[in-house]
């Protein structure tokens, strides 16, 4: 008789939930990386603009040009603030998804452990039956020899 785990369908369902949760976690992790790269890129652009303004100031710059650069710096800071806000939201979503993944993994592990335990019991029972069959065969042969 082959091993049959009665909760196999539920185990497959739990495995699919776990797989879906880890896929969502990977997507969010990629979004995190992208948001951090965007902030770093913008920071680099802000630094370049600051150096450009400092260099232009040293060489002489008109008030209109200075005002234009100031407006550009303000716009860059606002973009940076929006990116940081977006990063915080993604980090929160990442933490929530990590919790969902952990829960899905634990539920799957419970069923996997139950399956392993039942399979171990099944193997032990099969070994016991096999040994009992061998013992019975030995005793029948021995009994047949004694009758002769």
C-alpha atoms as a PDB file:
ATOM      1  CA  UNK A   1       0.000   0.000   0.000  1.00  0.00           C
ATOM      2  CA  UNK A   2       1.511   3.337  -1.088  1.00  0.00           C
ATOM      3  CA  UNK A   3       1.798   6.313   1.238  1.00  0.00           C
ATOM      4  CA  UNK A   4      -1.087   8.751   0.964  1.00  0.00           C
ATOM      5  CA  UNK A   5      -1.088  12.083   2.802  1.00  0.00           C
ATOM      6  CA  UNK A   6      -4.710  13.032   3.354  1.00  0.00           C
ATOM      7  CA  UNK A   7      -3.914  16.758   3.493  1.00  0.00           C
ATOM      8  CA  UNK A   8      -1.881  16.797   0.266  1.00  0.00           C
ATOM      9  CA  UNK A   9      -4.261  19.209  -1.469  1.00  0.00           C
ATOM     10  CA  UNK A  10      -4.038  21.610   1.460  1.00  0.00           C
ATOM     11  CA  UNK A  11      -0.236  21.312   1.448  1.00  0.00           C
ATOM     12  CA  UNK A  12      -0.139  22.184  -2.267  1.00  0.00           C
ATOM     13  CA  UNK A  13      -2.399  25.158  -1.575  1.00  0.00           C
ATOM     14  CA  UNK A  14      -0.118  26.344   1.249  1.00  0.00           C
ATOM     15  CA  UNK A  15       2.914  25.917  -1.028  1.00  0.00           C
ATOM     16  CA  UNK A  16       1.247  28.029  -3.712  1.00  0.00           C
ATOM     17  CA  UNK A  17       0.384  30.729  -1.134  1.00  0.00           C
ATOM     18  CA  UNK A  18       3.994  30.733   0.033  1.00  0.00           C
ATOM     19  CA  UNK A  19       5.285  30.945  -3.540  1.00  0.00           C
ATOM     20  CA  UNK A  20       2.925  33.840  -4.335  1.00  0.00           C
ATOM     21  CA  UNK A  21       3.958  35.658  -1.144  1.00  0.00           C
ATOM     22  CA  UNK A  22       7.655  35.346  -1.942  1.00  0.00           C
ATOM     23  CA  UNK A  23       7.035  36.541  -5.499  1.00  0.00           C
ATOM     24  CA  UNK A  24       5.265  39.643  -4.170  1.00  0.00           C
ATOM     25  CA  UNK A  25       8.122  40.132  -1.709  1.00  0.00           C
ATOM     26  CA  UNK A  26      10.641  40.016  -4.565  1.00  0.00           C
ATOM     27  CA  UNK A  27       8.652  42.573  -6.566  1.00  0.00           C
ATOM     28  CA  UNK A  28       8.534  44.931  -3.598  1.00  0.00           C
ATOM     29  CA  UNK A  29      12.248  44.404  -2.952  1.00  0.00           C
ATOM     30  CA  UNK A  30      12.949  45.398  -6.558  1.00  0.00           C
ATOM     31  CA  UNK A  31      10.809  48.497  -6.063  1.00  0.00           C
ATOM     32  CA  UNK A  32      12.837  49.318  -2.950  1.00  0.00           C
ATOM     33  CA  UNK A  33      16.087  49.087  -4.865  1.00  0.00           C
ATOM     34  CA  UNK A  34      14.671  51.200  -7.677  1.00  0.00           C
ATOM     35  CA  UNK A  35      13.452  53.902  -5.278  1.00  0.00           C
ATOM     36  CA  UNK A  36      16.829  54.021  -3.520  1.00  0.00           C
ATOM     37  CA  UNK A  37      18.631  54.298  -6.860  1.00  0.00           C
ATOM     38  CA  UNK A  38      16.287  57.110  -7.896  1.00  0.00           C
ATOM     39  CA  UNK A  39      17.086  59.019  -4.695  1.00  0.00           C
ATOM     40  CA  UNK A  40      20.825  58.465  -5.107  1.00  0.00           C
ATOM     41  CA  UNK A  41      20.654  59.624  -8.732  1.00  0.00           C
ATOM     42  CA  UNK A  42      18.719  62.739  -7.748  1.00  0.00           C
ATOM     43  CA  UNK A  43      21.189  63.437  -4.922  1.00  0.00           C
ATOM     44  CA  UNK A  44      24.026  63.237  -7.433  1.00  0.00           C
ATOM     45  CA  UNK A  45      22.172  65.624  -9.768  1.00  0.00           C
ATOM     46  CA  UNK A  46      21.599  68.054  -6.871  1.00  0.00           C
ATOM     47  CA  UNK A  47      25.306  67.967  -6.004  1.00  0.00           C
ATOM     48  CA  UNK A  48      26.272  68.630  -9.637  1.00  0.00           C
ATOM     49  CA  UNK A  49      23.839  71.580  -9.795  1.00  0.00           C
ATOM     50  CA  UNK A  50      25.278  73.004  -6.550  1.00  0.00           C
ATOM     51  CA  UNK A  51      28.814  72.783  -7.903  1.00  0.00           C
ATOM     52  CA  UNK A  52      27.696  74.377 -11.151  1.00  0.00           C
ATOM     53  CA  UNK A  53      26.096  77.294  -9.226  1.00  0.00           C
ATOM     54  CA  UNK A  54      29.197  77.723  -7.062  1.00  0.00           C
ATOM     55  CA  UNK A  55      31.432  77.743 -10.120  1.00  0.00           C
ATOM     56  CA  UNK A  56      29.118  80.196 -11.902  1.00  0.00           C
ATOM     57  CA  UNK A  57      28.990  82.407  -8.798  1.00  0.00           C
ATOM     58  CA  UNK A  58      32.774  82.541  -8.668  1.00  0.00           C
ATOM     59  CA  UNK A  59      32.874  83.617 -12.331  1.00  0.00           C
ATOM     60  CA  UNK A  60      29.972  86.027 -12.006  1.00  0.00           C
ATOM     61  CA  UNK A  61      26.287  85.292 -12.361  1.00  0.00           C
ATOM     62  CA  UNK A  62      23.273  87.501 -12.849  1.00  0.00           C
ATOM     63  CA  UNK A  63      20.464  87.714 -10.323  1.00  0.00           C
ATOM     64  CA  UNK A  64      18.040  86.134 -12.799  1.00  0.00           C
ATOM     65  CA  UNK A  65      20.349  83.172 -13.335  1.00  0.00           C
ATOM     66  CA  UNK A  66      20.788  82.796  -9.597  1.00  0.00           C
ATOM     67  CA  UNK A  67      17.020  82.924  -9.091  1.00  0.00           C
ATOM     68  CA  UNK A  68      16.539  80.314 -11.842  1.00  0.00           C
ATOM     69  CA  UNK A  69      19.074  77.996 -10.198  1.00  0.00           C
ATOM     70  CA  UNK A  70      17.362  78.496  -6.818  1.00  0.00           C
ATOM     71  CA  UNK A  71      14.005  77.522  -8.321  1.00  0.00           C
ATOM     72  CA  UNK A  72      15.625  74.449  -9.854  1.00  0.00           C
ATOM     73  CA  UNK A  73      17.135  73.506  -6.484  1.00  0.00           C
ATOM     74  CA  UNK A  74      13.746  73.913  -4.792  1.00  0.00           C
ATOM     75  CA  UNK A  75      12.092  71.727  -7.414  1.00  0.00           C
ATOM     76  CA  UNK A  76      14.802  69.098  -6.956  1.00  0.00           C
ATOM     77  CA  UNK A  77      14.317  69.123  -3.177  1.00  0.00           C
ATOM     78  CA  UNK A  78      10.568  68.700  -3.625  1.00  0.00           C
ATOM     79  CA  UNK A  79      11.164  65.762  -6.001  1.00  0.00           C
ATOM     80  CA  UNK A  80      13.555  64.279  -3.451  1.00  0.00           C
ATOM     81  CA  UNK A  81      10.975  64.640  -0.665  1.00  0.00           C
ATOM     82  CA  UNK A  82       8.382  62.901  -2.841  1.00  0.00           C
ATOM     83  CA  UNK A  83      10.851  60.087  -3.598  1.00  0.00           C
ATOM     84  CA  UNK A  84      11.676  59.676   0.100  1.00  0.00           C
ATOM     85  CA  UNK A  85       7.952  59.515   0.911  1.00  0.00           C
ATOM     86  CA  UNK A  86       7.509  56.885  -1.789  1.00  0.00           C
ATOM     87  CA  UNK A  87      10.499  54.961  -0.382  1.00  0.00           C
ATOM     88  CA  UNK A  88       8.935  54.962   3.109  1.00  0.00           C
ATOM     89  CA  UNK A  89       5.672  53.619   1.685  1.00  0.00           C
ATOM     90  CA  UNK A  90       7.520  50.875  -0.161  1.00  0.00           C
ATOM     91  CA  UNK A  91       9.488  49.995   2.999  1.00  0.00           C
ATOM     92  CA  UNK A  92       6.210  49.726   4.941  1.00  0.00           C
ATOM     93  CA  UNK A  93       4.726  47.522   2.209  1.00  0.00           C
ATOM     94  CA  UNK A  94       7.914  45.420   2.274  1.00  0.00           C
ATOM     95  CA  UNK A  95       7.619  44.881   6.026  1.00  0.00           C
ATOM     96  CA  UNK A  96       3.956  43.942   5.715  1.00  0.00           C
ATOM     97  CA  UNK A  97       4.722  41.536   2.885  1.00  0.00           C
ATOM     98  CA  UNK A  98       7.562  39.991   4.891  1.00  0.00           C
ATOM     99  CA  UNK A  99       5.085  39.317   7.693  1.00  0.00           C
ATOM    100  CA  UNK A 100       2.608  37.753   5.233  1.00  0.00           C
ATOM    101  CA  UNK A 101       5.374  35.616   3.723  1.00  0.00           C
ATOM    102  CA  UNK A 102       6.545  34.492   7.170  1.00  0.00           C
ATOM    103  CA  UNK A 103       2.994  33.489   8.073  1.00  0.00           C
ATOM    104  CA  UNK A 104       2.510  31.614   4.782  1.00  0.00           C
ATOM    105  CA  UNK A 105       5.855  29.829   5.245  1.00  0.00           C
ATOM    106  CA  UNK A 106       4.969  28.814   8.812  1.00  0.00           C
ATOM    107  CA  UNK A 107       1.594  27.429   7.756  1.00  0.00           C
ATOM    108  CA  UNK A 108       3.249  25.462   4.939  1.00  0.00           C
ATOM    109  CA  UNK A 109       5.980  24.191   7.278  1.00  0.00           C
ATOM    110  CA  UNK A 110       3.379  22.936   9.756  1.00  0.00           C
ATOM    111  CA  UNK A 111       1.780  20.809   7.041  1.00  0.00           C
ATOM    112  CA  UNK A 112       5.166  19.725   5.657  1.00  0.00           C
ATOM    113  CA  UNK A 113       6.258  18.626   9.116  1.00  0.00           C
ATOM    114  CA  UNK A 114       2.986  16.777   9.618  1.00  0.00           C
ATOM    115  CA  UNK A 115       3.478  15.034   6.272  1.00  0.00           C
ATOM    116  CA  UNK A 116       7.053  14.087   7.174  1.00  0.00           C
ATOM    117  CA  UNK A 117       5.897  12.752  10.535  1.00  0.00           C
ATOM    118  CA  UNK A 118       3.136  10.683   8.935  1.00  0.00           C
ATOM    119  CA  UNK A 119       5.546   9.421   6.268  1.00  0.00           C
ATOM    120  CA  UNK A 120       8.019   8.349   8.971  1.00  0.00           C
ATOM    121  CA  UNK A 121       5.239   6.488  10.776  1.00  0.00           C
ATOM    122  CA  UNK A 122       4.209   4.881   7.473  1.00  0.00           C
ATOM    123  CA  UNK A 123       7.787   3.763   6.766  1.00  0.00           C
ATOM    124  CA  UNK A 124       8.146   2.364  10.278  1.00  0.00           C
ATOM    125  CA  UNK A 125       4.856   0.468   9.899  1.00  0.00           C
ATOM    126  CA  UNK A 126       5.909  -0.871   6.476  1.00  0.00           C
ATOM    127  CA  UNK A 127       9.227  -2.061   7.915  1.00  0.00           C
ATOM    128  CA  UNK A 128       7.418  -3.713  10.810  1.00  0.00           C
ATOM    129  CA  UNK A 129       5.019  -5.502   8.442  1.00  0.00           C
ATOM    130  CA  UNK A 130       7.856  -6.579   6.199  1.00  0.00           C
ATOM    131  CA  UNK A 131       9.801  -7.949   9.155  1.00  0.00           C
ATOM    132  CA  UNK A 132       6.696  -9.690  10.469  1.00  0.00           C
ATOM    133  CA  UNK A 133       6.182 -11.291   7.057  1.00  0.00           C
ATOM    134  CA  UNK A 134       9.802 -12.474   7.018  1.00  0.00           C
ATOM    135  CA  UNK A 135       9.443 -13.815  10.543  1.00  0.00           C
ATOM    136  CA  UNK A 136       6.232 -15.655   9.614  1.00  0.00           C
ATOM    137  CA  UNK A 137       7.915 -17.126   6.528  1.00  0.00           C
ATOM    138  CA  UNK A 138      10.886 -18.250   8.605  1.00  0.00           C
ATOM    139  CA  UNK A 139       8.619 -19.868  11.197  1.00  0.00           C
ATOM    140  CA  UNK A 140       6.563 -21.639   8.494  1.00  0.00           C
ATOM    141  CA  UNK A 141       9.709 -23.055   6.899  1.00  0.00           C
ATOM    142  CA  UNK A 142      11.081 -24.078  10.250  1.00  0.00           C
ATOM    143  CA  UNK A 143       7.761 -25.706  11.160  1.00  0.00           C
ATOM    144  CA  UNK A 144       7.733 -27.555   7.827  1.00  0.00           C
ATOM    145  CA  UNK A 145      11.278 -28.884   8.409  1.00  0.00           C
ATOM    146  CA  UNK A 146      10.375 -30.048  11.927  1.00  0.00           C
ATOM    147  CA  UNK A 147       7.379 -31.997  10.577  1.00  0.00           C
ATOM    148  CA  UNK A 148       9.490 -33.852   8.086  1.00  0.00           C
END
